[in-house]
Amino acid sequence: MSDTLNKTYKELAIPYFNEVFNIIDITLLKLNIPYYLVGVSAVALELLKAGIKPSRGTKDIDFAIMIGSLAEFEYVVVELEVAGFNKVKAPWTLYHPKYNIAIDLLPFGQIEENDTANFNERYTDLHVLGFKEVMQHAVPVAIEEKFAQIPPLHGMVILKLIAWNDRPEERDNDLKDILLIIKEYFDFNSDEIFEFYFDTFPDEFDKIIVAARVLGRKAAEIIQKSEKVKNRVLQVLLNNTTNIEKSPIAERWARENDWTIEYAISILKHFKLGITEIIQE
């Protein structure tokens, strides 16, 4: 498996991804700080296991780091500056001029206060609701001789749904990434779906609908561990499935895929159905 992944990670189409990843890995291991690769690059790495190439490129790489305080976070930033990164306006973003890549360091763990990482009065708090719960289900993926911990795809759906809801005006690509996961998930995980989730198959087979419901069931295993995360996810889904004329998620998916609003909403409803089937058991 690792040989296959080492060949495919280069298909991420992120120049100098390995060089930047190495800097982060070496720095955080030295500081004994657990970290996870998140964002679109994490989604792409998971899908590459099944030979599914990225739908879009990026020059940003996101890392979730588990730390205890703002002082510890600032020490990480200092170490990365020594390694060639520069600070930018947002305190959680760093830029490497040699490789022309920006990274986001998304702190969670004891630093969290009301599900945010509080920096200072000049900056809006960084919302990290769901990170702790999702990262408990992280899986390793090989990058050259190293391994990165990344969330499972259903965990990425949770994080991206919450992130989009927090800042829809800034998180435009999250909805695209969520739908990419749903579209590809049946082929990505078909063996498990046929063996364990055959009851999700509708009378008229639709692999997107099946995938949405299966992802919902898997997501439920994570969100039911936190009332805040569960309530947030269910509220976002409720807001986007109750009124056909007031569903920005369905409107976006329908417009970009030449679907009806009703079909786009049915995808969300089946994801929600999968969640409630588990939570109400």
C-alpha atoms as a PDB file:
ATOM      1  CA  MET A   1       0.000   0.000   0.000  1.00  0.00           C
ATOM      2  CA  SER A   2       2.725   2.491   0.905  1.00  0.00           C
ATOM      3  CA  ASP A   3       4.494   2.034  -2.443  1.00  0.00           C
ATOM      4  CA  THR A   4       1.251   2.813  -4.244  1.00  0.00           C
ATOM      5  CA  LEU A   5       0.640   5.891  -2.148  1.00  0.00           C
ATOM      6  CA  ASN A   6       4.187   7.140  -2.621  1.00  0.00           C
ATOM      7  CA  LYS A   7       3.609   7.042  -6.366  1.00  0.00           C
ATOM      8  CA  THR A   8       0.225   8.709  -6.227  1.00  0.00           C
ATOM      9  CA  TYR A   9       0.817  11.541  -3.758  1.00  0.00           C
ATOM     10  CA  LYS A  10       2.832  13.306  -6.470  1.00  0.00           C
ATOM     11  CA  GLU A  11      -0.394  13.514  -8.467  1.00  0.00           C
ATOM     12  CA  LEU A  12      -1.678  16.064  -5.956  1.00  0.00           C
ATOM     13  CA  ALA A  13      -0.371  18.662  -8.418  1.00  0.00           C
ATOM     14  CA  ILE A  14       1.048  20.753  -5.566  1.00  0.00           C
ATOM     15  CA  PRO A  15       4.596  21.780  -6.442  1.00  0.00           C
ATOM     16  CA  TYR A  16       7.015  21.236  -3.549  1.00  0.00           C
ATOM     17  CA  PHE A  17       4.361  19.488  -1.451  1.00  0.00           C
ATOM     18  CA  ASN A  18       6.894  16.964  -0.183  1.00  0.00           C
ATOM     19  CA  GLU A  19       9.462  19.629   0.697  1.00  0.00           C
ATOM     20  CA  VAL A  20       6.957  21.628   2.716  1.00  0.00           C
ATOM     21  CA  PHE A  21       5.505  18.529   4.336  1.00  0.00           C
ATOM     22  CA  ASN A  22       9.006  17.496   5.428  1.00  0.00           C
ATOM     23  CA  ILE A  23       9.603  20.850   7.120  1.00  0.00           C
ATOM     24  CA  ILE A  24       6.348  20.580   9.062  1.00  0.00           C
ATOM     25  CA  ASP A  25       6.961  16.949   9.962  1.00  0.00           C
ATOM     26  CA  ILE A  26      10.506  17.536  11.221  1.00  0.00           C
ATOM     27  CA  THR A  27       9.555  20.655  13.185  1.00  0.00           C
ATOM     28  CA  LEU A  28       6.492  19.238  14.903  1.00  0.00           C
ATOM     29  CA  LEU A  29       8.119  15.909  15.688  1.00  0.00           C
ATOM     30  CA  LYS A  30      11.007  17.784  17.298  1.00  0.00           C
ATOM     31  CA  LEU A  31       8.519  19.723  19.414  1.00  0.00           C
ATOM     32  CA  ASN A  32       6.520  16.547  20.168  1.00  0.00           C
ATOM     33  CA  ILE A  33       3.314  18.067  18.795  1.00  0.00           C
ATOM     34  CA  PRO A  34       0.748  15.760  17.154  1.00  0.00           C
ATOM     35  CA  TYR A  35      -0.475  17.033  13.804  1.00  0.00           C
ATOM     36  CA  TYR A  36      -2.871  16.056  11.052  1.00  0.00           C
ATOM     37  CA  LEU A  37      -3.069  16.916   7.382  1.00  0.00           C
ATOM     38  CA  VAL A  38      -6.509  18.370   6.620  1.00  0.00           C
ATOM     39  CA  GLY A  39      -8.183  20.357   3.851  1.00  0.00           C
ATOM     40  CA  VAL A  40      -8.324  19.654   0.138  1.00  0.00           C
ATOM     41  CA  SER A  41      -4.911  17.971   0.047  1.00  0.00           C
ATOM     42  CA  ALA A  42      -6.078  15.455   2.658  1.00  0.00           C
ATOM     43  CA  VAL A  43      -9.220  14.728   0.639  1.00  0.00           C
ATOM     44  CA  ALA A  44      -7.120  14.277  -2.490  1.00  0.00           C
ATOM     45  CA  LEU A  45      -4.688  11.895  -0.771  1.00  0.00           C
ATOM     46  CA  GLU A  46      -7.532   9.699   0.419  1.00  0.00           C
ATOM     47  CA  LEU A  47      -9.167   9.578  -3.007  1.00  0.00           C
ATOM     48  CA  LEU A  48      -5.842   8.844  -4.672  1.00  0.00           C
ATOM     49  CA  LYS A  49      -5.881   5.479  -2.908  1.00  0.00           C
ATOM     50  CA  ALA A  50      -8.590   4.516  -5.390  1.00  0.00           C
ATOM     51  CA  GLY A  51      -6.862   6.210  -8.312  1.00  0.00           C
ATOM     52  CA  ILE A  52      -9.167   9.236  -8.237  1.00  0.00           C
ATOM     53  CA  LYS A  53      -7.162  12.293  -9.221  1.00  0.00           C
ATOM     54  CA  PRO A  54      -7.709  15.715  -7.646  1.00  0.00           C
ATOM     55  CA  SER A  55     -10.434  17.843  -9.179  1.00  0.00           C
ATOM     56  CA  ARG A  56      -8.643  21.084  -8.360  1.00  0.00           C
ATOM     57  CA  GLY A  57      -5.146  22.177  -7.463  1.00  0.00           C
ATOM     58  CA  THR A  58      -4.103  24.325  -4.518  1.00  0.00           C
ATOM     59  CA  LYS A  59      -1.063  26.145  -3.235  1.00  0.00           C
ATOM     60  CA  ASP A  60      -2.332  25.964   0.349  1.00  0.00           C
ATOM     61  CA  ILE A  61      -1.715  23.079   2.728  1.00  0.00           C
ATOM     62  CA  ASP A  62      -3.668  22.840   5.973  1.00  0.00           C
ATOM     63  CA  PHE A  63      -2.410  21.212   9.159  1.00  0.00           C
ATOM     64  CA  ALA A  64      -4.371  20.719  12.372  1.00  0.00           C
ATOM     65  CA  ILE A  65      -2.003  20.775  15.337  1.00  0.00           C
ATOM     66  CA  MET A  66      -2.870  19.625  18.841  1.00  0.00           C
ATOM     67  CA  ILE A  67      -1.445  22.088  21.346  1.00  0.00           C
ATOM     68  CA  GLY A  68      -2.178  23.393  24.808  1.00  0.00           C
ATOM     69  CA  SER A  69      -1.741  27.155  24.682  1.00  0.00           C
ATOM     70  CA  LEU A  70      -1.257  30.233  22.555  1.00  0.00           C
ATOM     71  CA  ALA A  71       2.348  30.444  23.807  1.00  0.00           C
ATOM     72  CA  GLU A  72       3.003  26.955  22.477  1.00  0.00           C
ATOM     73  CA  PHE A  73       1.470  27.905  19.149  1.00  0.00           C
ATOM     74  CA  GLU A  74       3.686  30.985  18.919  1.00  0.00           C
ATOM     75  CA  TYR A  75       6.749  28.843  19.620  1.00  0.00           C
ATOM     76  CA  VAL A  76       5.800  26.612  16.677  1.00  0.00           C
ATOM     77  CA  VAL A  77       5.580  29.712  14.475  1.00  0.00           C
ATOM     78  CA  VAL A  78       9.058  30.831  15.571  1.00  0.00           C
ATOM     79  CA  GLU A  79      10.513  27.414  14.732  1.00  0.00           C
ATOM     80  CA  LEU A  80       8.887  27.466  11.306  1.00  0.00           C
ATOM     81  CA  GLU A  81      10.225  30.965  10.665  1.00  0.00           C
ATOM     82  CA  VAL A  82      13.701  29.591  11.316  1.00  0.00           C
ATOM     83  CA  ALA A  83      12.904  26.908   8.721  1.00  0.00           C
ATOM     84  CA  GLY A  84      12.104  29.529   6.070  1.00  0.00           C
ATOM     85  CA  PHE A  85       8.452  30.458   6.562  1.00  0.00           C
ATOM     86  CA  ASN A  86       7.215  34.045   6.856  1.00  0.00           C
ATOM     87  CA  LYS A  87       4.293  35.396   8.825  1.00  0.00           C
ATOM     88  CA  VAL A  88       1.355  36.876   6.975  1.00  0.00           C
ATOM     89  CA  LYS A  89      -1.677  38.833   8.189  1.00  0.00           C
ATOM     90  CA  ALA A  90      -3.662  35.937   9.650  1.00  0.00           C
ATOM     91  CA  PRO A  91      -1.798  34.525  12.676  1.00  0.00           C
ATOM     92  CA  TRP A  92      -2.516  30.948  11.686  1.00  0.00           C
ATOM     93  CA  THR A  93      -1.144  31.319   8.132  1.00  0.00           C
ATOM     94  CA  LEU A  94       2.527  31.126   7.094  1.00  0.00           C
ATOM     95  CA  TYR A  95       4.120  31.472   3.673  1.00  0.00           C
ATOM     96  CA  HIS A  96       7.272  29.874   2.287  1.00  0.00           C
ATOM     97  CA  PRO A  97       8.685  32.176  -0.434  1.00  0.00           C
ATOM     98  CA  LYS A  98      11.094  29.582  -1.824  1.00  0.00           C
ATOM     99  CA  TYR A  99       8.310  27.098  -2.542  1.00  0.00           C
ATOM    100  CA  ASN A 100       5.493  29.633  -3.061  1.00  0.00           C
ATOM    101  CA  ILE A 101       3.216  27.704  -0.714  1.00  0.00           C
ATOM    102  CA  ALA A 102       1.060  28.933   2.149  1.00  0.00           C
ATOM    103  CA  ILE A 103       0.162  26.754   5.098  1.00  0.00           C
ATOM    104  CA  ASP A 104      -2.582  27.117   7.666  1.00  0.00           C
ATOM    105  CA  LEU A 105      -1.838  25.881  11.183  1.00  0.00           C
ATOM    106  CA  LEU A 106      -5.205  25.137  12.778  1.00  0.00           C
ATOM    107  CA  PRO A 107      -4.718  24.666  16.532  1.00  0.00           C
ATOM    108  CA  PHE A 108      -7.028  22.480  18.586  1.00  0.00           C
ATOM    109  CA  GLY A 109      -6.871  20.660  21.893  1.00  0.00           C
ATOM    110  CA  GLN A 110      -6.457  22.448  25.211  1.00  0.00           C
ATOM    111  CA  ILE A 111      -6.057  25.779  23.397  1.00  0.00           C
ATOM    112  CA  GLU A 112      -9.752  25.614  22.527  1.00  0.00           C
ATOM    113  CA  GLU A 113     -12.072  27.956  24.370  1.00  0.00           C
ATOM    114  CA  ASN A 114     -15.721  27.738  23.380  1.00  0.00           C
ATOM    115  CA  ASP A 115     -14.598  25.791  20.308  1.00  0.00           C
ATOM    116  CA  THR A 116     -12.355  28.588  19.045  1.00  0.00           C
ATOM    117  CA  ALA A 117      -8.644  29.332  19.143  1.00  0.00           C
ATOM    118  CA  ASN A 118      -8.370  32.881  20.445  1.00  0.00           C
ATOM    119  CA  PHE A 119      -5.438  34.849  19.060  1.00  0.00           C
ATOM    120  CA  ASN A 120      -5.748  38.539  19.811  1.00  0.00           C
ATOM    121  CA  GLU A 121      -8.122  41.436  19.403  1.00  0.00           C
ATOM    122  CA  ARG A 122      -6.917  42.190  15.877  1.00  0.00           C
ATOM    123  CA  TYR A 123      -8.090  38.883  14.473  1.00  0.00           C
ATOM    124  CA  THR A 124     -11.330  37.000  14.335  1.00  0.00           C
ATOM    125  CA  ASP A 125     -11.270  33.814  16.356  1.00  0.00           C
ATOM    126  CA  LEU A 126     -10.478  30.662  14.424  1.00  0.00           C
ATOM    127  CA  HIS A 127     -13.342  28.201  14.739  1.00  0.00           C
ATOM    128  CA  VAL A 128     -12.202  24.622  15.381  1.00  0.00           C
ATOM    129  CA  LEU A 129     -15.456  22.894  16.332  1.00  0.00           C
ATOM    130  CA  GLY A 130     -15.274  19.195  15.470  1.00  0.00           C
ATOM    131  CA  PHE A 131     -11.500  18.924  15.090  1.00  0.00           C
ATOM    132  CA  LYS A 132     -10.948  17.007  18.322  1.00  0.00           C
ATOM    133  CA  GLU A 133     -13.684  14.481  17.563  1.00  0.00           C
ATOM    134  CA  VAL A 134     -12.713  13.953  13.916  1.00  0.00           C
ATOM    135  CA  MET A 135      -8.990  13.577  14.621  1.00  0.00           C
ATOM    136  CA  GLN A 136      -9.670  10.618  16.890  1.00  0.00           C
ATOM    137  CA  HIS A 137     -10.523   8.737  13.689  1.00  0.00           C
ATOM    138  CA  ALA A 138      -7.487   9.840  11.663  1.00  0.00           C
ATOM    139  CA  VAL A 139      -5.761   7.272   9.449  1.00  0.00           C
ATOM    140  CA  PRO A 140      -2.134   7.167   8.228  1.00  0.00           C
ATOM    141  CA  VAL A 141      -1.175   7.802   4.625  1.00  0.00           C
ATOM    142  CA  ALA A 142       2.372   7.345   3.277  1.00  0.00           C
ATOM    143  CA  ILE A 143       4.300  10.276   1.831  1.00  0.00           C
ATOM    144  CA  GLU A 144       7.714   9.053   0.724  1.00  0.00           C
ATOM    145  CA  GLU A 145       9.258   7.489   3.835  1.00  0.00           C
ATOM    146  CA  LYS A 146       6.966   9.387   6.211  1.00  0.00           C
ATOM    147  CA  PHE A 147       3.349   9.010   7.254  1.00  0.00           C
ATOM    148  CA  ALA A 148       0.773  11.760   7.607  1.00  0.00           C
ATOM    149  CA  GLN A 149      -2.317  11.346   9.736  1.00  0.00           C
ATOM    150  CA  ILE A 150      -5.424  12.450   7.853  1.00  0.00           C
ATOM    151  CA  PRO A 151      -9.138  12.412   8.704  1.00  0.00           C
ATOM    152  CA  PRO A 152     -11.337   9.809   6.997  1.00  0.00           C
ATOM    153  CA  LEU A 153     -13.529  11.150   4.220  1.00  0.00           C
ATOM    154  CA  HIS A 154     -16.656  11.232   6.375  1.00  0.00           C
ATOM    155  CA  GLY A 155     -14.659  13.240   8.916  1.00  0.00           C
ATOM    156  CA  MET A 156     -13.659  15.699   6.214  1.00  0.00           C
ATOM    157  CA  VAL A 157     -17.327  16.165   5.303  1.00  0.00           C
ATOM    158  CA  ILE A 158     -18.042  17.096   8.924  1.00  0.00           C
ATOM    159  CA  LEU A 159     -15.178  19.592   9.159  1.00  0.00           C
ATOM    160  CA  LYS A 160     -15.936  21.199   5.813  1.00  0.00           C
ATOM    161  CA  LEU A 161     -19.659  21.463   6.532  1.00  0.00           C
ATOM    162  CA  ILE A 162     -18.939  23.254   9.825  1.00  0.00           C
ATOM    163  CA  ALA A 163     -16.215  25.455   8.298  1.00  0.00           C
ATOM    164  CA  TRP A 164     -18.515  26.508   5.461  1.00  0.00           C
ATOM    165  CA  ASN A 165     -21.330  27.287   7.887  1.00  0.00           C
ATOM    166  CA  ASP A 166     -19.016  29.428  10.027  1.00  0.00           C
ATOM    167  CA  ARG A 167     -17.793  31.546   7.115  1.00  0.00           C
ATOM    168  CA  PRO A 168     -19.758  30.844   3.911  1.00  0.00           C
ATOM    169  CA  GLU A 169     -18.402  34.002   2.296  1.00  0.00           C
ATOM    170  CA  GLU A 170     -14.799  32.795   2.748  1.00  0.00           C
ATOM    171  CA  ARG A 171     -15.194  29.030   2.388  1.00  0.00           C
ATOM    172  CA  ASP A 172     -16.537  28.795  -1.139  1.00  0.00           C
ATOM    173  CA  ASN A 173     -14.607  25.636  -2.041  1.00  0.00           C
ATOM    174  CA  ASP A 174     -15.840  23.601   0.933  1.00  0.00           C
ATOM    175  CA  LEU A 175     -19.157  22.814  -0.746  1.00  0.00           C
ATOM    176  CA  LYS A 176     -17.342  21.691  -3.880  1.00  0.00           C
ATOM    177  CA  ASP A 177     -15.079  19.414  -1.824  1.00  0.00           C
ATOM    178  CA  ILE A 178     -18.000  17.909   0.086  1.00  0.00           C
ATOM    179  CA  LEU A 179     -19.809  17.064  -3.129  1.00  0.00           C
ATOM    180  CA  LEU A 180     -16.611  15.630  -4.618  1.00  0.00           C
ATOM    181  CA  ILE A 181     -16.391  13.216  -1.681  1.00  0.00           C
ATOM    182  CA  ILE A 182     -20.038  12.210  -2.066  1.00  0.00           C
ATOM    183  CA  LYS A 183     -19.718  11.739  -5.837  1.00  0.00           C
ATOM    184  CA  GLU A 184     -16.612   9.565  -5.567  1.00  0.00           C
ATOM    185  CA  TYR A 185     -17.338   7.709  -2.356  1.00  0.00           C
ATOM    186  CA  PHE A 186     -19.262   4.782  -3.831  1.00  0.00           C
ATOM    187  CA  ASP A 187     -16.419   3.838  -6.178  1.00  0.00           C
ATOM    188  CA  PHE A 188     -13.860   4.592  -3.462  1.00  0.00           C
ATOM    189  CA  ASN A 189     -15.518   2.277  -0.938  1.00  0.00           C
ATOM    190  CA  SER A 190     -17.693  -0.033  -3.040  1.00  0.00           C
ATOM    191  CA  ASP A 191     -16.551  -3.311  -1.457  1.00  0.00           C
ATOM    192  CA  GLU A 192     -17.554  -2.190   2.039  1.00  0.00           C
ATOM    193  CA  ILE A 193     -20.795  -0.657   0.796  1.00  0.00           C
ATOM    194  CA  PHE A 194     -21.887  -3.854  -0.974  1.00  0.00           C
ATOM    195  CA  GLU A 195     -20.996  -5.969   2.055  1.00  0.00           C
ATOM    196  CA  PHE A 196     -22.352  -3.847   4.903  1.00  0.00           C
ATOM    197  CA  TYR A 197     -24.654  -1.164   3.495  1.00  0.00           C
ATOM    198  CA  PHE A 198     -26.781  -2.955   0.921  1.00  0.00           C
ATOM    199  CA  ASP A 199     -29.899  -1.781   2.778  1.00  0.00           C
ATOM    200  CA  THR A 200     -29.142   1.789   1.650  1.00  0.00           C
ATOM    201  CA  PHE A 201     -29.752   0.955  -2.011  1.00  0.00           C
ATOM    202  CA  PRO A 202     -32.932   2.656  -3.309  1.00  0.00           C
ATOM    203  CA  ASP A 203     -35.365   0.975  -5.705  1.00  0.00           C
ATOM    204  CA  GLU A 204     -33.839   3.037  -8.498  1.00  0.00           C
ATOM    205  CA  PHE A 205     -30.117   2.716  -7.898  1.00  0.00           C
ATOM    206  CA  ASP A 206     -28.211   5.991  -7.583  1.00  0.00           C
ATOM    207  CA  LYS A 207     -24.665   5.724  -6.261  1.00  0.00           C
ATOM    208  CA  ILE A 208     -24.567   9.388  -5.200  1.00  0.00           C
ATOM    209  CA  ILE A 209     -27.652   8.912  -3.031  1.00  0.00           C
ATOM    210  CA  VAL A 210     -26.249   5.682  -1.584  1.00  0.00           C
ATOM    211  CA  ALA A 211     -22.905   7.323  -0.882  1.00  0.00           C
ATOM    212  CA  ALA A 212     -24.551  10.257   0.881  1.00  0.00           C
ATOM    213  CA  ARG A 213     -26.499   7.943   3.186  1.00  0.00           C
ATOM    214  CA  VAL A 214     -23.477   5.753   3.966  1.00  0.00           C
ATOM    215  CA  LEU A 215     -21.322   8.807   4.664  1.00  0.00           C
ATOM    216  CA  GLY A 216     -24.072  10.037   6.974  1.00  0.00           C
ATOM    217  CA  ARG A 217     -24.003   6.796   8.945  1.00  0.00           C
ATOM    218  CA  LYS A 218     -20.248   6.969   9.271  1.00  0.00           C
ATOM    219  CA  ALA A 219     -20.330  10.646  10.196  1.00  0.00           C
ATOM    220  CA  ALA A 220     -22.845   9.837  12.941  1.00  0.00           C
ATOM    221  CA  GLU A 221     -20.242   7.685  14.702  1.00  0.00           C
ATOM    222  CA  ILE A 222     -18.143  10.820  15.144  1.00  0.00           C
ATOM    223  CA  ILE A 223     -20.667  13.557  15.795  1.00  0.00           C
ATOM    224  CA  GLN A 224     -22.674  11.647  18.387  1.00  0.00           C
ATOM    225  CA  LYS A 225     -19.659  11.955  20.710  1.00  0.00           C
ATOM    226  CA  SER A 226     -20.231  15.708  21.018  1.00  0.00           C
ATOM    227  CA  GLU A 227     -23.561  17.429  21.494  1.00  0.00           C
ATOM    228  CA  LYS A 228     -22.153  20.655  20.044  1.00  0.00           C
ATOM    229  CA  VAL A 229     -20.857  18.987  16.897  1.00  0.00           C
ATOM    230  CA  LYS A 230     -23.999  16.890  16.463  1.00  0.00           C
ATOM    231  CA  ASN A 231     -26.308  19.868  16.917  1.00  0.00           C
ATOM    232  CA  ARG A 232     -24.307  22.043  14.541  1.00  0.00           C
ATOM    233  CA  VAL A 233     -24.218  19.470  11.737  1.00  0.00           C
ATOM    234  CA  LEU A 234     -27.890  18.613  12.079  1.00  0.00           C
ATOM    235  CA  GLN A 235     -28.859  22.296  12.167  1.00  0.00           C
ATOM    236  CA  VAL A 236     -26.922  23.025   8.969  1.00  0.00           C
ATOM    237  CA  LEU A 237     -28.632  20.101   7.266  1.00  0.00           C
ATOM    238  CA  LEU A 238     -32.041  21.139   8.576  1.00  0.00           C
ATOM    239  CA  ASN A 239     -31.529  24.698   7.337  1.00  0.00           C
ATOM    240  CA  ASN A 240     -30.627  23.414   3.885  1.00  0.00           C
ATOM    241  CA  THR A 241     -33.356  20.815   3.452  1.00  0.00           C
ATOM    242  CA  THR A 242     -36.476  22.433   4.935  1.00  0.00           C
ATOM    243  CA  ASN A 243     -37.123  25.173   2.383  1.00  0.00           C
ATOM    244  CA  ILE A 244     -36.375  24.487  -1.262  1.00  0.00           C
ATOM    245  CA  GLU A 245     -35.919  28.221  -1.912  1.00  0.00           C
ATOM    246  CA  LYS A 246     -33.519  28.753   0.988  1.00  0.00           C
ATOM    247  CA  SER A 247     -30.848  26.124   0.579  1.00  0.00           C
ATOM    248  CA  PRO A 248     -27.538  27.701  -0.497  1.00  0.00           C
ATOM    249  CA  ILE A 249     -25.879  24.276  -0.547  1.00  0.00           C
ATOM    250  CA  ALA A 250     -28.498  22.720  -2.836  1.00  0.00           C
ATOM    251  CA  GLU A 251     -28.629  25.832  -5.006  1.00  0.00           C
ATOM    252  CA  ARG A 252     -24.872  25.733  -5.512  1.00  0.00           C
ATOM    253  CA  TRP A 253     -24.768  22.009  -6.270  1.00  0.00           C
ATOM    254  CA  ALA A 254     -27.733  22.207  -8.635  1.00  0.00           C
ATOM    255  CA  ARG A 255     -26.329  25.169 -10.543  1.00  0.00           C
ATOM    256  CA  GLU A 256     -22.853  23.694 -10.980  1.00  0.00           C
ATOM    257  CA  ASN A 257     -24.031  20.204 -11.945  1.00  0.00           C
ATOM    258  CA  ASP A 258     -27.117  21.005 -14.017  1.00  0.00           C
ATOM    259  CA  TRP A 259     -29.341  19.290 -11.452  1.00  0.00           C
ATOM    260  CA  THR A 260     -32.746  20.226 -10.137  1.00  0.00           C
ATOM    261  CA  ILE A 261     -32.843  21.790  -6.681  1.00  0.00           C
ATOM    262  CA  GLU A 262     -34.970  18.832  -5.587  1.00  0.00           C
ATOM    263  CA  TYR A 263     -32.254  16.346  -6.503  1.00  0.00           C
ATOM    264  CA  ALA A 264     -29.537  18.368  -4.758  1.00  0.00           C
ATOM    265  CA  ILE A 265     -31.682  18.564  -1.628  1.00  0.00           C
ATOM    266  CA  SER A 266     -32.301  14.801  -1.788  1.00  0.00           C
ATOM    267  CA  ILE A 267     -28.539  14.262  -1.490  1.00  0.00           C
ATOM    268  CA  LEU A 268     -28.498  16.346   1.694  1.00  0.00           C
ATOM    269  CA  LYS A 269     -31.588  14.566   2.990  1.00  0.00           C
ATOM    270  CA  HIS A 270     -30.002  11.152   2.526  1.00  0.00           C
ATOM    271  CA  PHE A 271     -26.829  12.302   4.299  1.00  0.00           C
ATOM    272  CA  LYS A 272     -29.046  13.503   7.155  1.00  0.00           C
ATOM    273  CA  LEU A 273     -31.009  10.245   7.052  1.00  0.00           C
ATOM    274  CA  GLY A 274     -27.825   8.256   7.454  1.00  0.00           C
ATOM    275  CA  ILE A 275     -26.936  10.295  10.529  1.00  0.00           C
ATOM    276  CA  THR A 276     -30.332   9.982  12.191  1.00  0.00           C
ATOM    277  CA  GLU A 277     -30.490   6.237  11.540  1.00  0.00           C
ATOM    278  CA  ILE A 278     -27.455   5.783  13.784  1.00  0.00           C
ATOM    279  CA  ILE A 279     -28.125   8.458  16.366  1.00  0.00           C
ATOM    280  CA  GLN A 280     -31.698   7.279  16.975  1.00  0.00           C
ATOM    281  CA  GLU A 281     -30.829   3.592  17.279  1.00  0.00           C
END
